[in-house]
Structures are given as structure tokens and as C-alpha cells.
Amino acid sequence: MAKSVLDLFELYNLVIARGGLVDVINKKLWQEIIKGLHLPSSITSAAFTLRTQ
């Protein structure tokens, strides 16, 4: 994503810290996850890409 390697372990930890995948999806916390991964906010499809990859 954004021409950088996605740290899956960090993604996992961020999602677990917010209650798990179902909670992140239901509470729409993807913007917090994106900020936690230090991805640029200019990626408009980041939440969709993280969910589907």
C-alpha cells in the first residue's frame, strides 16, 4: 500500500486492540487503523483494501 510494505503484525495488533475485526468494521474504525499504520490519508480506498487483502 502506498508503495510500501504492509506490516501485517502491526495491522493485527491495531485491530485486536480495538476489539477485533467485527468491532472495527461495525464501529467504522478503519481511519484509526490507517493512522496507526502511518499510511498517507490520501489513499481513499485504504479501508477497503485493508479489509479485502
C-alpha atoms as a PDB file:
ATOM      1  CA  MET A   1       0.000   0.000   0.000  1.00  0.00           C
ATOM      2  CA  ALA A   2       1.282   3.446  -0.899  1.00  0.00           C
ATOM      3  CA  LYS A   3       4.341   1.757  -2.420  1.00  0.00           C
ATOM      4  CA  SER A   4       5.447   0.451   0.957  1.00  0.00           C
ATOM      5  CA  VAL A   5       5.359  -2.924   2.653  1.00  0.00           C
ATOM      6  CA  LEU A   6       2.318  -3.511   4.839  1.00  0.00           C
ATOM      7  CA  ASP A   7       3.266  -4.693   8.324  1.00  0.00           C
ATOM      8  CA  LEU A   8       0.704  -7.442   8.916  1.00  0.00           C
ATOM      9  CA  PHE A   9       1.741  -7.961  12.533  1.00  0.00           C
ATOM     10  CA  GLU A  10       1.145  -4.280  13.297  1.00  0.00           C
ATOM     11  CA  LEU A  11      -2.191  -4.409  11.442  1.00  0.00           C
ATOM     12  CA  TYR A  12      -3.202  -7.405  13.542  1.00  0.00           C
ATOM     13  CA  ASN A  13      -2.208  -5.689  16.795  1.00  0.00           C
ATOM     14  CA  LEU A  14      -4.091  -2.494  15.897  1.00  0.00           C
ATOM     15  CA  VAL A  15      -7.254  -4.419  15.045  1.00  0.00           C
ATOM     16  CA  ILE A  16      -7.081  -6.584  18.186  1.00  0.00           C
ATOM     17  CA  ALA A  17      -6.509  -3.514  20.362  1.00  0.00           C
ATOM     18  CA  ARG A  18      -9.800  -2.089  19.071  1.00  0.00           C
ATOM     19  CA  GLY A  19     -11.851  -5.196  19.816  1.00  0.00           C
ATOM     20  CA  GLY A  20     -11.255  -7.341  16.743  1.00  0.00           C
ATOM     21  CA  LEU A  21     -12.254  -7.285  13.121  1.00  0.00           C
ATOM     22  CA  VAL A  22     -16.013  -7.289  13.679  1.00  0.00           C
ATOM     23  CA  ASP A  23     -15.821  -4.298  16.034  1.00  0.00           C
ATOM     24  CA  VAL A  24     -13.523  -2.368  13.688  1.00  0.00           C
ATOM     25  CA  ILE A  25     -15.941  -2.946  10.812  1.00  0.00           C
ATOM     26  CA  ASN A  26     -19.129  -2.218  12.789  1.00  0.00           C
ATOM     27  CA  LYS A  27     -17.725   0.869  14.532  1.00  0.00           C
ATOM     28  CA  LYS A  28     -16.022   2.057  11.325  1.00  0.00           C
ATOM     29  CA  LEU A  29     -12.621   2.420  12.962  1.00  0.00           C
ATOM     30  CA  TRP A  30     -10.596   1.955   9.786  1.00  0.00           C
ATOM     31  CA  GLN A  31      -9.330   5.536   9.809  1.00  0.00           C
ATOM     32  CA  GLU A  32      -7.737   4.880  13.209  1.00  0.00           C
ATOM     33  CA  ILE A  33      -6.102   1.732  11.823  1.00  0.00           C
ATOM     34  CA  ILE A  34      -4.809   3.650   8.798  1.00  0.00           C
ATOM     35  CA  LYS A  35      -3.324   6.332  11.065  1.00  0.00           C
ATOM     36  CA  GLY A  36      -1.776   3.648  13.274  1.00  0.00           C
ATOM     37  CA  LEU A  37      -0.073   2.125  10.248  1.00  0.00           C
ATOM     38  CA  HIS A  38       1.258   5.569   9.265  1.00  0.00           C
ATOM     39  CA  LEU A  39      -0.306   5.381   5.824  1.00  0.00           C
ATOM     40  CA  PRO A  40      -0.972   8.618   3.969  1.00  0.00           C
ATOM     41  CA  SER A  41      -4.527   9.919   4.267  1.00  0.00           C
ATOM     42  CA  SER A  42      -4.542  10.484   0.509  1.00  0.00           C
ATOM     43  CA  ILE A  43      -5.288   6.780  -0.029  1.00  0.00           C
ATOM     44  CA  THR A  44      -9.062   6.972  -0.291  1.00  0.00           C
ATOM     45  CA  SER A  45      -9.574   3.224  -0.679  1.00  0.00           C
ATOM     46  CA  ALA A  46      -7.278   2.190   2.171  1.00  0.00           C
ATOM     47  CA  ALA A  47     -10.059   0.838   4.393  1.00  0.00           C
ATOM     48  CA  PHE A  48     -11.458  -1.260   1.551  1.00  0.00           C
ATOM     49  CA  THR A  49      -8.019  -2.511   0.595  1.00  0.00           C
ATOM     50  CA  LEU A  50      -7.154  -3.492   4.164  1.00  0.00           C
ATOM     51  CA  ARG A  51     -10.432  -5.385   4.569  1.00  0.00           C
ATOM     52  CA  THR A  52     -10.179  -7.288   1.309  1.00  0.00           C
ATOM     53  CA  GLN A  53      -6.470  -8.141   1.286  1.00  0.00           C
END
